[in-house]
Amino acid sequence: MIFTSLHYIFFLPLIVGLFWGIPKRYRIWVIAIASAAFYASWNPAYLPLLLLVTALSWGFGVLLHKQKKTGKISFSLMIFVLLLPLFFFKYSNWFIENLNLFLLQKQQPITCEQEINGIGTPNPIPCMETIFGVQKWILPVGISFFSFQAVAYVVDVYRDKKHAKSPLNFFAFLAFFPQLVAGPIVRRKELLPQLQNLGYLKQGMVSQGIYRICKGMIKKLLIADLINKFIVKLNKANCFKNCIRNYHNLIILSI
């Protein structure tokens, strides 16, 4: 479910209407359930990963809050654990491929038999060999955003010992669906206090929200997507070999 899809156009008003239509004490549940459903719409199999990172980061926050002084080794270990899923899904194959190249670079090339056009005598050709197999992992959507946001939260708690008391509020903070898969990464002080004290609907909030959504969709559809198509065409045409065009494409991407 992407923000410019018909599914999201129906999903967002439904959640907003439900949010303002129920008693205030239940609104945090709407945000949490909607965020979980939004993430599961991409791939339900990776929802437990989001829940795991949420549980770990919230638990680390509680632990840091209770400890008067936390050693740098313990703190570094917490950060490592939170970043481990990101490194595993995003960089494990890159590491394995380079490890295979390093271990095999001094070995003699192995030959494989290949038949030409399916007939004739098989001819020996160089054959690729791997020591460690490469897995075709599907990268979880938004894993960079919620992993680094979890790290930022733990860093904040490490500094001031102020943690999120409610795990439900914290899940809504980490998995908040409008910024879960596309960012930006928000700090604890920017969003968590708003989720802990949900206000009432005021005059002008709806019109202002619709204006900002329409403004963002126009930028996405009429500027970003069109520029992306142009860059893809240049890339396929091998235009990136030219240094001048490299700078030109860099300027376009920065828009």
Protein backbone atom coordinates (compact mmCIF):
# COMPACT_ATOMS: atom_id res chain seq x y z
CA MET A 1 0.00 0.00 0.00
CA ILE A 2 1.72 3.15 -1.21
CA PHE A 3 0.58 6.65 -0.38
CA THR A 4 -0.55 7.42 -3.93
CA SER A 5 -2.59 4.23 -4.37
CA LEU A 6 -6.37 3.92 -4.30
CA HIS A 7 -6.07 1.58 -1.31
CA TYR A 8 -4.43 4.30 0.76
CA ILE A 9 -6.92 6.94 -0.42
CA PHE A 10 -9.69 4.81 1.11
CA PHE A 11 -7.60 3.65 4.07
CA LEU A 12 -6.62 7.09 5.38
CA PRO A 13 -10.12 8.67 5.61
CA LEU A 14 -11.40 5.50 7.25
CA ILE A 15 -8.75 5.64 9.96
CA VAL A 16 -9.09 9.41 10.46
CA GLY A 17 -12.88 9.14 10.77
CA LEU A 18 -12.59 6.25 13.20
CA PHE A 19 -9.94 8.11 15.21
CA TRP A 20 -12.12 11.18 15.77
CA GLY A 21 -15.35 9.22 16.10
CA ILE A 22 -14.47 7.13 19.15
CA PRO A 23 -13.74 8.16 22.76
CA LYS A 24 -10.34 9.73 23.37
CA ARG A 25 -9.00 6.89 25.52
CA TYR A 26 -9.31 4.42 22.62
CA ARG A 27 -7.68 6.55 19.94
CA ILE A 28 -4.17 5.27 20.58
CA TRP A 29 -5.48 1.80 19.79
CA VAL A 30 -6.72 3.02 16.41
CA ILE A 31 -3.25 4.37 15.57
CA ALA A 32 -1.51 1.19 16.73
CA ILE A 33 -3.85 -1.23 14.94
CA ALA A 34 -3.91 0.88 11.78
CA SER A 35 -0.10 1.03 11.75
CA ALA A 36 0.17 -2.75 12.18
CA ALA A 37 -2.40 -3.34 9.42
CA PHE A 38 -0.66 -0.86 7.12
CA TYR A 39 2.70 -2.58 7.56
CA ALA A 40 1.19 -6.07 7.20
CA SER A 41 -0.39 -5.02 3.88
CA TRP A 42 3.12 -5.11 2.35
CA ASN A 43 4.10 -8.51 3.69
CA PRO A 44 2.42 -10.01 6.80
CA ALA A 45 5.42 -12.28 7.37
CA TYR A 46 7.57 -9.30 8.42
CA LEU A 47 5.12 -7.84 10.95
CA PRO A 48 6.72 -9.95 13.75
CA LEU A 49 10.05 -8.31 12.88
CA LEU A 50 8.56 -4.86 13.53
CA LEU A 51 7.04 -6.13 16.79
CA LEU A 52 10.38 -7.63 17.81
CA VAL A 53 12.30 -4.39 17.24
CA THR A 54 9.57 -2.52 19.13
CA ALA A 55 9.73 -4.90 22.10
CA LEU A 56 13.53 -4.82 22.23
CA SER A 57 13.84 -1.04 22.03
CA TRP A 58 11.08 -0.47 24.58
CA GLY A 59 12.65 -3.05 26.91
CA PHE A 60 16.06 -1.43 26.54
CA GLY A 61 14.47 1.92 27.40
CA VAL A 62 12.97 0.50 30.59
CA LEU A 63 16.30 -1.07 31.51
CA LEU A 64 18.20 2.18 30.92
CA HIS A 65 15.62 4.08 32.97
CA LYS A 66 16.03 1.76 35.96
CA GLN A 67 19.82 1.80 35.89
CA LYS A 68 21.43 4.83 37.45
CA LYS A 69 24.49 4.36 35.32
CA THR A 70 24.85 2.22 32.22
CA GLY A 71 28.24 1.13 30.94
CA LYS A 72 29.26 1.94 27.40
CA ILE A 73 29.71 -1.75 26.61
CA SER A 74 26.12 -2.57 27.62
CA PHE A 75 24.81 0.43 25.72
CA SER A 76 26.81 -0.49 22.61
CA LEU A 77 25.47 -4.04 22.81
CA MET A 78 21.89 -2.70 22.83
CA ILE A 79 22.57 -0.65 19.71
CA PHE A 80 24.16 -3.66 18.02
CA VAL A 81 21.14 -5.85 18.76
CA LEU A 82 18.75 -3.26 17.34
CA LEU A 83 20.78 -2.88 14.15
CA LEU A 84 21.33 -6.62 13.69
CA PRO A 85 18.09 -7.22 11.68
CA LEU A 86 18.97 -4.31 9.38
CA PHE A 87 22.48 -5.62 8.72
CA PHE A 88 21.18 -9.16 8.24
CA PHE A 89 18.52 -8.35 5.63
CA LYS A 90 20.32 -5.52 3.86
CA TYR A 91 24.02 -6.39 3.95
CA SER A 92 24.37 -10.13 4.63
CA ASN A 93 24.43 -11.07 0.91
CA TRP A 94 26.93 -8.29 0.17
CA PHE A 95 29.19 -9.61 2.93
CA ILE A 96 28.85 -13.23 1.74
CA GLU A 97 29.61 -12.31 -1.89
CA ASN A 98 32.75 -10.42 -0.93
CA LEU A 99 33.81 -13.18 1.43
CA ASN A 100 33.48 -15.71 -1.39
CA LEU A 101 35.60 -13.52 -3.68
CA PHE A 102 38.26 -13.14 -1.00
CA LEU A 103 38.47 -16.86 -0.21
CA LEU A 104 38.46 -17.94 -3.86
CA GLN A 105 40.75 -15.34 -5.41
CA LYS A 106 43.90 -17.45 -4.99
CA GLN A 107 42.37 -20.70 -6.16
CA GLN A 108 42.61 -22.04 -9.71
CA PRO A 109 39.43 -21.51 -11.74
CA ILE A 110 37.22 -24.56 -12.01
CA THR A 111 35.99 -25.66 -15.42
CA CYS A 112 32.46 -26.72 -16.26
CA GLU A 113 31.35 -28.63 -19.30
CA GLN A 114 29.07 -26.84 -21.72
CA GLU A 115 27.64 -28.01 -25.01
CA ILE A 116 27.51 -25.55 -27.89
CA ASN A 117 23.94 -25.18 -29.19
CA GLY A 118 23.07 -28.44 -27.53
CA ILE A 119 25.24 -30.52 -29.89
CA GLY A 120 28.83 -31.44 -30.32
CA THR A 121 31.55 -32.15 -27.78
CA PRO A 122 31.25 -30.33 -24.46
CA ASN A 123 33.87 -27.61 -24.06
CA PRO A 124 35.46 -26.63 -20.73
CA ILE A 125 34.63 -23.07 -19.62
CA PRO A 126 35.39 -21.14 -16.41
CA CYS A 127 32.83 -21.93 -13.75
CA MET A 128 31.85 -19.76 -10.77
CA GLU A 129 32.20 -21.42 -7.38
CA THR A 130 30.94 -20.23 -4.03
CA ILE A 131 31.87 -21.40 -0.56
CA PHE A 132 28.91 -19.77 1.17
CA GLY A 133 25.54 -19.64 -0.52
CA VAL A 134 23.74 -16.33 -1.12
CA GLN A 135 20.16 -16.14 0.07
CA LYS A 136 17.50 -14.18 -1.82
CA TRP A 137 16.04 -12.26 1.12
CA ILE A 138 13.13 -9.91 0.52
CA LEU A 139 14.09 -6.63 2.18
CA PRO A 140 11.45 -5.67 4.77
CA VAL A 141 9.80 -2.38 3.89
CA GLY A 142 10.89 0.52 6.08
CA ILE A 143 13.42 -1.51 8.06
CA SER A 144 15.99 1.29 7.90
CA PHE A 145 13.51 3.86 9.22
CA PHE A 146 12.14 1.96 12.20
CA SER A 147 15.56 0.48 13.08
CA PHE A 148 17.27 3.86 13.25
CA GLN A 149 14.28 5.42 15.00
CA ALA A 150 14.53 2.68 17.64
CA VAL A 151 18.25 3.41 17.99
CA ALA A 152 17.57 7.14 18.34
CA TYR A 153 15.04 6.41 21.09
CA VAL A 154 17.49 4.24 23.05
CA VAL A 155 20.16 6.94 22.69
CA ASP A 156 17.75 9.56 24.06
CA VAL A 157 16.85 7.37 27.05
CA TYR A 158 20.53 6.66 27.66
CA ARG A 159 21.17 10.40 27.90
CA ASP A 160 18.25 11.59 30.04
CA LYS A 161 16.76 8.37 31.54
CA LYS A 162 13.24 9.30 30.36
CA HIS A 163 11.46 6.34 28.78
CA ALA A 164 8.04 5.57 27.31
CA LYS A 165 5.97 4.04 30.10
CA SER A 166 3.30 2.54 27.85
CA PRO A 167 4.37 -0.12 25.34
CA LEU A 168 1.25 0.66 23.32
CA ASN A 169 2.19 4.32 22.99
CA PHE A 170 5.72 3.32 22.06
CA PHE A 171 4.54 0.94 19.33
CA ALA A 172 2.37 3.73 17.90
CA PHE A 173 5.45 5.96 17.99
CA LEU A 174 7.75 3.51 16.24
CA ALA A 175 5.21 2.11 13.76
CA PHE A 176 3.27 5.34 13.03
CA PHE A 177 2.04 4.50 9.53
CA PRO A 178 2.30 7.95 7.83
CA GLN A 179 6.08 7.88 8.28
CA LEU A 180 6.84 4.20 8.77
CA VAL A 181 7.93 3.25 5.24
CA ALA A 182 9.05 6.61 3.84
CA GLY A 183 10.36 8.53 6.84
CA PRO A 184 11.41 10.86 8.15
CA ILE A 185 13.07 9.43 11.24
CA VAL A 186 11.60 11.32 14.20
CA ARG A 187 13.05 11.73 17.68
CA ARG A 188 11.19 10.84 20.84
CA LYS A 189 10.43 14.45 21.83
CA GLU A 190 8.88 15.20 18.43
CA LEU A 191 6.12 12.58 18.35
CA LEU A 192 5.82 10.56 21.55
CA PRO A 193 4.42 13.43 23.71
CA GLN A 194 1.68 13.97 21.10
CA LEU A 195 0.71 10.30 21.24
CA GLN A 196 0.66 10.35 25.03
CA ASN A 197 -1.71 13.34 25.07
CA LEU A 198 -4.03 13.11 22.09
CA GLY A 199 -5.97 16.35 21.72
CA TYR A 200 -9.38 17.24 20.37
CA LEU A 201 -10.42 18.20 16.85
CA LYS A 202 -10.09 21.96 16.32
CA GLN A 203 -11.33 24.26 13.60
CA GLY A 204 -9.06 24.30 10.55
CA MET A 205 -7.24 21.04 11.32
CA VAL A 206 -9.06 19.04 8.63
CA SER A 207 -8.59 21.62 5.88
CA GLN A 208 -4.94 22.09 6.81
CA GLY A 209 -4.35 18.34 6.76
CA ILE A 210 -6.03 17.90 3.37
CA TYR A 211 -3.97 20.77 1.95
CA ARG A 212 -0.70 19.24 3.13
CA ILE A 213 -1.64 15.79 1.80
CA CYS A 214 -2.59 17.17 -1.62
CA LYS A 215 0.59 19.25 -1.73
CA GLY A 216 2.71 16.19 -1.00
CA MET A 217 0.92 14.04 -3.59
CA ILE A 218 1.42 16.71 -6.27
CA LYS A 219 5.14 16.85 -5.50
CA LYS A 220 5.34 13.06 -5.58
CA LEU A 221 3.34 12.44 -8.78
CA LEU A 222 4.23 15.48 -10.90
CA ILE A 223 7.83 16.06 -9.85
CA ALA A 224 9.49 13.11 -8.10
CA ASP A 225 8.02 10.28 -10.20
CA LEU A 226 8.66 12.06 -13.51
CA ILE A 227 12.26 12.82 -12.56
CA ASN A 228 12.74 9.21 -11.47
CA LYS A 229 11.58 7.94 -14.88
CA PHE A 230 14.04 10.29 -16.57
CA ILE A 231 16.93 9.09 -14.38
CA VAL A 232 16.06 5.43 -15.05
CA LYS A 233 16.19 6.04 -18.81
CA LEU A 234 19.60 7.72 -18.51
CA ASN A 235 20.88 4.86 -16.42
CA LYS A 236 19.75 2.26 -18.96
CA ALA A 237 21.44 4.25 -21.73
CA ASN A 238 24.76 4.15 -19.83
CA CYS A 239 24.82 7.92 -19.61
CA PHE A 240 26.38 7.77 -16.16
CA LYS A 241 29.79 7.10 -17.70
CA ASN A 242 30.02 10.75 -18.66
CA CYS A 243 31.26 12.89 -15.74
CA ILE A 244 29.37 15.99 -16.85
CA ARG A 245 26.12 14.03 -17.01
CA ASN A 246 26.89 12.58 -13.59
CA TYR A 247 26.77 16.06 -12.07
CA HIS A 248 23.64 16.81 -14.09
CA ASN A 249 21.89 13.70 -12.79
CA LEU A 250 23.03 14.44 -9.23
CA ILE A 251 21.42 17.87 -9.38
CA ILE A 252 18.18 16.34 -10.71
CA LEU A 253 18.08 13.73 -7.93
CA SER A 254 18.58 16.41 -5.28
CA ILE A 255 15.30 18.04 -6.34
